[in-house]
N, C-alpha and C. Protein backbone atom coordinates (compact mmCIF):
# COMPACT_ATOMS: atom_id res chain seq x y z
N ASP A 1 -3.83 -15.85 13.21
CA ASP A 1 -4.17 -15.20 11.91
C ASP A 1 -4.94 -14.10 12.28
N THR A 2 -4.51 -12.98 11.69
CA THR A 2 -5.29 -11.83 11.84
C THR A 2 -5.34 -10.65 10.67
N ARG A 3 -6.15 -10.06 10.50
CA ARG A 3 -5.53 -8.88 9.20
C ARG A 3 -5.36 -7.55 9.63
N VAL A 4 -4.56 -7.10 9.55
CA VAL A 4 -4.03 -6.05 10.09
C VAL A 4 -3.29 -5.21 8.80
N LYS A 5 -3.04 -3.90 9.59
CA LYS A 5 -2.20 -3.10 8.74
C LYS A 5 -0.89 -2.70 8.74
N GLN A 6 0.42 -2.59 7.50
CA GLN A 6 1.35 -1.90 8.23
C GLN A 6 1.51 -0.39 7.94
N VAL A 7 1.57 0.19 9.12
CA VAL A 7 1.60 1.33 8.81
C VAL A 7 2.97 1.95 8.82
N MET A 8 3.42 2.81 8.11
CA MET A 8 4.43 3.29 7.35
C MET A 8 4.42 5.23 7.05
N PRO A 9 5.54 5.86 6.74
CA PRO A 9 4.78 7.01 6.64
C PRO A 9 4.29 7.33 5.16
N LEU A 10 3.29 7.59 5.19
CA LEU A 10 2.58 7.85 3.52
C LEU A 10 1.52 6.59 3.10
N VAL A 11 2.02 5.66 3.79
CA VAL A 11 1.59 3.90 3.20
C VAL A 11 0.68 3.39 4.53
N GLU A 12 -0.05 2.62 3.80
CA GLU A 12 -0.59 1.34 5.13
C GLU A 12 -0.50 0.03 3.96
N VAL A 13 -0.06 -0.95 4.64
CA VAL A 13 -0.35 -2.25 3.86
C VAL A 13 -0.71 -3.28 4.49
N PRO A 14 -2.11 -2.85 3.80
CA PRO A 14 -2.92 -4.58 4.24
C PRO A 14 -1.73 -5.81 4.25
N GLY A 15 -2.62 -6.38 5.45
CA GLY A 15 -1.87 -8.41 5.45
C GLY A 15 -2.71 -8.63 6.48
N ARG A 16 -2.01 -9.69 6.48
CA ARG A 16 -2.66 -10.66 7.14
C ARG A 16 -1.24 -11.23 8.56
N LEU A 17 -1.32 -10.95 9.83
CA LEU A 17 -0.08 -11.19 11.14
C LEU A 17 -0.35 -12.48 11.63
N VAL A 18 0.27 -13.08 11.64
CA VAL A 18 0.76 -14.96 12.42
C VAL A 18 1.45 -14.94 13.26
N VAL A 19 1.20 -15.26 14.25
CA VAL A 19 2.30 -15.22 15.76
C VAL A 19 2.30 -16.40 15.91
N THR A 20 3.61 -17.03 15.95
CA THR A 20 4.25 -18.70 16.21
C THR A 20 5.12 -18.32 17.43
N ASN A 21 5.68 -19.77 18.41
CA ASN A 21 6.12 -19.66 19.35
C ASN A 21 7.62 -18.89 18.85
N LEU A 22 8.05 -18.81 17.75
CA LEU A 22 9.45 -18.06 17.71
C LEU A 22 9.29 -17.40 16.66
N ARG A 23 8.39 -16.51 16.24
CA ARG A 23 8.46 -15.68 15.22
C ARG A 23 7.00 -14.93 15.04
N LEU A 24 7.25 -13.93 14.36
CA LEU A 24 5.73 -12.87 13.92
C LEU A 24 5.93 -12.95 12.57
N TYR A 25 4.70 -13.01 11.93
CA TYR A 25 4.63 -13.03 10.51
C TYR A 25 4.07 -12.07 9.55
N PHE A 26 4.28 -10.81 8.99
CA PHE A 26 3.51 -10.04 8.59
C PHE A 26 3.60 -10.35 6.76
N GLN A 27 2.32 -10.78 6.58
CA GLN A 27 2.32 -11.23 5.12
C GLN A 27 1.28 -10.16 3.93
N ALA A 28 1.98 -9.25 3.24
CA ALA A 28 0.93 -7.98 2.83
C ALA A 28 0.22 -8.75 1.49
N PHE A 29 -0.98 -8.28 1.24
CA PHE A 29 -1.83 -8.60 0.01
C PHE A 29 -1.11 -8.07 -0.68
N SER A 30 -0.76 -6.97 -0.82
CA SER A 30 0.01 -6.25 -2.24
C SER A 30 0.77 -6.26 -2.42
N ASN A 31 1.81 -5.75 -3.45
CA ASN A 31 3.76 -5.93 -3.54
C ASN A 31 3.44 -4.66 -3.28
N LEU A 32 3.29 -3.82 -2.39
CA LEU A 32 4.16 -2.32 -2.11
C LEU A 32 4.94 -2.34 -0.68
N ALA A 33 4.96 -3.78 -0.03
CA ALA A 33 5.99 -3.91 0.53
C ALA A 33 7.50 -4.33 -0.41
N SER A 34 8.30 -4.05 0.29
CA SER A 34 9.70 -4.39 0.04
C SER A 34 9.99 -5.88 0.22
N THR A 35 9.62 -6.56 1.38
CA THR A 35 9.49 -7.87 1.07
C THR A 35 8.36 -8.70 0.82
N PRO A 36 8.08 -9.54 0.48
CA PRO A 36 6.38 -10.20 0.41
C PRO A 36 6.28 -10.96 1.79
N VAL A 37 6.88 -11.43 2.64
CA VAL A 37 6.87 -11.92 4.41
C VAL A 37 7.62 -10.98 5.27
N LEU A 38 7.29 -10.52 6.02
CA LEU A 38 8.43 -9.71 7.08
C LEU A 38 7.83 -10.76 8.19
N LYS A 39 9.40 -11.10 8.42
CA LYS A 39 9.60 -12.24 9.91
C LYS A 39 10.58 -11.73 10.87
N ILE A 40 9.79 -12.06 11.96
CA ILE A 40 10.19 -10.99 13.21
C ILE A 40 10.93 -12.28 14.11
N SER A 41 11.79 -12.33 14.69
CA SER A 41 11.86 -13.12 15.55
C SER A 41 11.28 -12.72 16.88
N LEU A 42 10.91 -13.46 17.61
CA LEU A 42 10.60 -13.17 18.80
C LEU A 42 11.26 -12.66 19.79
N ALA A 43 12.57 -13.62 19.91
CA ALA A 43 13.48 -13.08 20.66
C ALA A 43 14.54 -11.51 20.29
N SER A 44 13.75 -10.99 19.13
CA SER A 44 14.61 -9.43 18.58
C SER A 44 13.60 -8.79 19.32
N VAL A 45 11.99 -9.38 20.19
CA VAL A 45 10.89 -7.99 19.86
C VAL A 45 11.82 -7.55 21.47
N ARG A 46 11.74 -6.13 21.53
CA ARG A 46 12.59 -5.63 22.78
C ARG A 46 11.39 -4.92 23.39
N GLY A 47 10.32 -4.78 23.02
CA GLY A 47 9.05 -4.46 23.91
C GLY A 47 7.70 -3.90 23.07
N LEU A 48 6.58 -3.85 23.28
CA LEU A 48 4.87 -3.72 22.72
C LEU A 48 4.67 -2.62 23.71
N GLU A 49 4.11 -1.82 22.80
CA GLU A 49 3.07 -0.75 23.41
C GLU A 49 1.79 -0.22 22.42
N ALA A 50 0.53 -0.74 23.44
CA ALA A 50 -0.35 -0.21 22.23
C ALA A 50 -0.32 1.17 22.22
N ARG A 51 -1.07 1.25 21.10
CA ARG A 51 -1.12 2.86 20.44
C ARG A 51 -2.12 3.03 19.89
N ARG A 52 -2.42 4.57 19.85
CA ARG A 52 -3.49 4.97 18.79
C ARG A 52 -3.21 5.19 17.22
N TYR A 53 -4.24 4.81 16.51
CA TYR A 53 -3.72 4.93 14.99
C TYR A 53 -5.88 5.42 14.69
N MET A 54 -5.46 6.88 13.62
CA MET A 54 -6.82 7.58 13.50
C MET A 54 -7.65 7.43 14.65
N GLN A 55 -7.12 8.09 15.35
CA GLN A 55 -7.90 8.34 16.73
C GLN A 55 -9.08 7.58 17.88
N ARG A 56 -8.09 6.29 17.55
CA ARG A 56 -8.75 5.23 18.15
C ARG A 56 -7.37 4.13 18.62
N HIS A 57 -7.92 3.40 19.98
CA HIS A 57 -7.21 2.36 20.25
C HIS A 57 -7.24 1.32 19.69
N ARG A 58 -5.79 1.05 18.57
CA ARG A 58 -6.30 0.25 17.37
C ARG A 58 -4.75 0.07 17.15
N ALA A 59 -3.99 0.03 17.32
CA ALA A 59 -2.61 -0.49 17.03
C ALA A 59 -1.71 -1.06 17.79
N ILE A 60 -0.47 -1.45 17.80
CA ILE A 60 0.24 -2.03 18.58
C ILE A 60 1.78 -1.40 17.86
N GLU A 61 2.59 -0.72 18.47
CA GLU A 61 4.14 -0.90 18.15
C GLU A 61 4.97 -1.77 18.30
N ILE A 62 5.82 -2.53 17.86
CA ILE A 62 6.70 -3.42 18.64
C ILE A 62 7.85 -2.90 18.33
N PHE A 63 8.79 -2.57 18.86
CA PHE A 63 10.06 -2.63 19.21
C PHE A 63 11.04 -3.30 19.17
N LEU A 64 12.34 -3.24 18.24
CA LEU A 64 13.21 -4.69 18.08
C LEU A 64 14.55 -4.38 18.76
N SER A 65 14.99 -4.81 18.79
CA SER A 65 16.49 -5.14 19.21
C SER A 65 17.12 -4.71 17.86
N SER A 66 18.12 -3.98 17.67
CA SER A 66 19.12 -3.68 16.66
C SER A 66 19.98 -4.95 16.23
N GLN A 67 20.18 -5.02 14.82
CA GLN A 67 21.63 -6.05 14.67
C GLN A 67 22.83 -4.70 14.85
N LYS A 68 22.48 -3.39 14.83
CA LYS A 68 23.37 -2.28 15.06
C LYS A 68 23.58 -1.76 16.02
N GLN A 69 23.08 -1.91 16.85
CA GLN A 69 23.22 -1.63 18.24
C GLN A 69 22.72 -0.49 18.59
N VAL A 70 21.69 0.46 17.47
CA VAL A 70 21.50 2.23 17.44
C VAL A 70 20.98 2.29 19.01
N PHE A 71 20.38 1.03 20.06
CA PHE A 71 19.56 1.72 20.88
C PHE A 71 21.08 2.27 22.36
N SER A 72 21.66 2.09 21.97
CA SER A 72 23.16 2.33 23.19
C SER A 72 23.76 3.93 22.71
N SER A 73 23.79 4.08 21.12
CA SER A 73 23.78 5.07 20.22
C SER A 73 22.95 6.60 20.26
N VAL A 74 21.86 6.37 20.25
CA VAL A 74 20.71 6.26 20.01
C VAL A 74 20.68 8.13 21.31
N ALA A 75 20.86 9.43 21.18
CA ALA A 75 21.07 10.32 22.47
C ALA A 75 19.57 9.79 23.25
N PRO A 76 19.69 10.09 24.38
CA PRO A 76 18.34 10.18 25.41
C PRO A 76 17.16 10.64 24.72
N ALA A 77 17.44 11.80 24.48
CA ALA A 77 16.16 12.73 24.06
C ALA A 77 15.45 11.89 23.13
N VAL A 78 15.98 11.36 22.08
CA VAL A 78 15.26 10.52 21.13
C VAL A 78 14.44 9.63 21.75
N LEU A 79 14.80 8.51 22.42
CA LEU A 79 14.64 7.44 22.94
C LEU A 79 13.10 7.51 24.06
N GLY A 80 11.83 6.59 23.76
CA GLY A 80 11.13 7.20 24.53
C GLY A 80 11.13 6.47 25.92
N ALA A 81 9.92 7.17 27.06
CA ALA A 81 9.71 6.58 27.95
C ALA A 81 10.29 5.37 28.60
N ARG A 82 9.90 4.16 28.00
CA ARG A 82 10.66 2.79 28.26
C ARG A 82 12.14 2.78 27.48
N GLY A 83 12.84 3.83 26.93
CA GLY A 83 13.98 3.44 25.98
C GLY A 83 13.62 2.63 24.89
N TYR A 84 13.29 2.49 23.88
CA TYR A 84 12.79 2.61 22.76
C TYR A 84 12.78 3.43 22.01
N SER A 85 13.33 2.90 20.57
CA SER A 85 13.70 4.04 19.76
C SER A 85 12.98 3.83 18.30
N SER A 86 12.36 4.37 17.96
CA SER A 86 11.52 4.33 17.00
C SER A 86 12.02 4.09 15.83
N ALA A 87 13.25 4.25 15.45
CA ALA A 87 13.88 3.57 14.17
C ALA A 87 13.80 2.02 14.08
N ASP A 88 13.52 1.28 15.30
CA ASP A 88 13.40 0.08 15.04
C ASP A 88 12.26 -0.63 15.50
N SER A 89 11.60 0.23 14.85
CA SER A 89 9.85 -0.47 15.28
C SER A 89 9.04 -1.18 13.92
N VAL A 90 7.87 -1.50 14.48
CA VAL A 90 6.54 -1.87 13.90
C VAL A 90 5.51 -1.33 13.83
N LEU A 91 4.77 -0.73 13.47
CA LEU A 91 3.49 -0.24 13.84
C LEU A 91 2.34 -1.21 13.02
N LEU A 92 1.71 -1.91 13.61
CA LEU A 92 0.63 -2.54 13.32
C LEU A 92 -0.59 -1.67 13.58
N ALA A 93 -1.80 -1.53 12.75
CA ALA A 93 -2.60 -0.92 12.70
C ALA A 93 -4.20 -2.47 12.79
N PHE A 94 -4.92 -2.55 13.69
CA PHE A 94 -6.46 -3.44 13.60
C PHE A 94 -7.41 -2.88 13.22
N ASP A 95 -8.24 -3.86 12.87
CA ASP A 95 -9.87 -3.05 12.73
C ASP A 95 -10.37 -2.71 13.61
N ASP A 96 -10.23 -3.20 14.78
CA ASP A 96 -11.00 -2.48 16.18
C ASP A 96 -10.06 -3.01 17.31
N PRO A 97 -10.43 -2.35 18.31
CA PRO A 97 -9.78 -2.32 19.69
C PRO A 97 -9.89 -4.08 20.32
N PRO A 98 -11.17 -4.46 20.32
CA PRO A 98 -10.63 -5.96 20.67
C PRO A 98 -9.51 -6.73 20.08
N ALA A 99 -9.48 -6.65 18.33
CA ALA A 99 -8.95 -7.63 18.00
C ALA A 99 -7.09 -6.98 18.41
N ARG A 100 -7.21 -5.85 18.73
CA ARG A 100 -5.68 -5.36 18.81
C ARG A 100 -5.18 -6.24 20.26
N ASP A 101 -6.11 -5.70 20.74
CA ASP A 101 -5.72 -6.46 22.66
C ASP A 101 -5.85 -8.04 22.19
N ARG A 102 -6.28 -9.10 21.39
CA ARG A 102 -6.21 -10.22 20.78
C ARG A 102 -4.74 -10.53 20.77
N ALA A 103 -4.47 -9.78 19.95
CA ALA A 103 -3.16 -9.76 19.24
C ALA A 103 -1.86 -9.80 20.28
N MET A 104 -2.32 -8.38 21.04
CA MET A 104 -0.96 -7.98 21.88
C MET A 104 -0.98 -9.10 23.28
N ALA A 105 -1.97 -10.00 23.38
CA ALA A 105 -1.79 -11.09 24.35
C ALA A 105 -1.18 -12.27 23.56
N ALA A 106 -1.65 -12.39 22.69
CA ALA A 106 -1.29 -13.45 22.05
C ALA A 106 0.41 -13.16 22.06
N LEU A 107 1.13 -12.22 21.61
CA LEU A 107 2.28 -11.67 21.50
C LEU A 107 2.92 -11.82 23.05
N ARG A 108 2.19 -11.32 23.73
CA ARG A 108 2.62 -11.33 24.77
C ARG A 108 3.04 -12.65 25.34
N SER A 109 1.99 -13.47 25.43
CA SER A 109 2.12 -15.15 25.76
C SER A 109 3.42 -15.79 25.30
N GLN A 110 3.61 -15.32 23.52
CA GLN A 110 5.09 -16.29 23.10
C GLN A 110 6.55 -15.40 23.65
N LEU A 111 6.31 -14.02 24.13
CA LEU A 111 7.23 -13.59 24.03
C LEU A 111 8.39 -14.33 25.58
N PRO A 112 9.42 -14.15 24.87
CA PRO A 112 10.49 -14.92 25.85
C PRO A 112 10.92 -14.40 27.40
N PRO A 113 10.57 -14.77 28.28
CA PRO A 113 10.49 -14.23 29.85
C PRO A 113 12.12 -13.28 29.68
N ALA A 114 11.51 -11.76 29.95
CA ALA A 114 12.68 -10.38 29.93
C ALA A 114 13.79 -10.91 30.91
């Protein structure tokens, strides 16, 4: 249970992040989010990357496999170095780098083997 912000264009949504053995949950503290609780199956997580946010190493980008298979239809120039598309990702910003590192370790420990 960690306080985070879901970062989207022009909007930061503060909330709570909970990681279980099957899912990742983001519950927004306000009604700005389109859904009250974002539920992400860990089986759909394709990758994790540590990111900078506000000039500090305190964010995680979670790349998701798409139901529409956009990864195979997106031009290679649009994909990142590891083949991820930003169209299917969630950016979470933490209060400080140690909080980000703890969440990243918790997520990696729960992800199914590749």
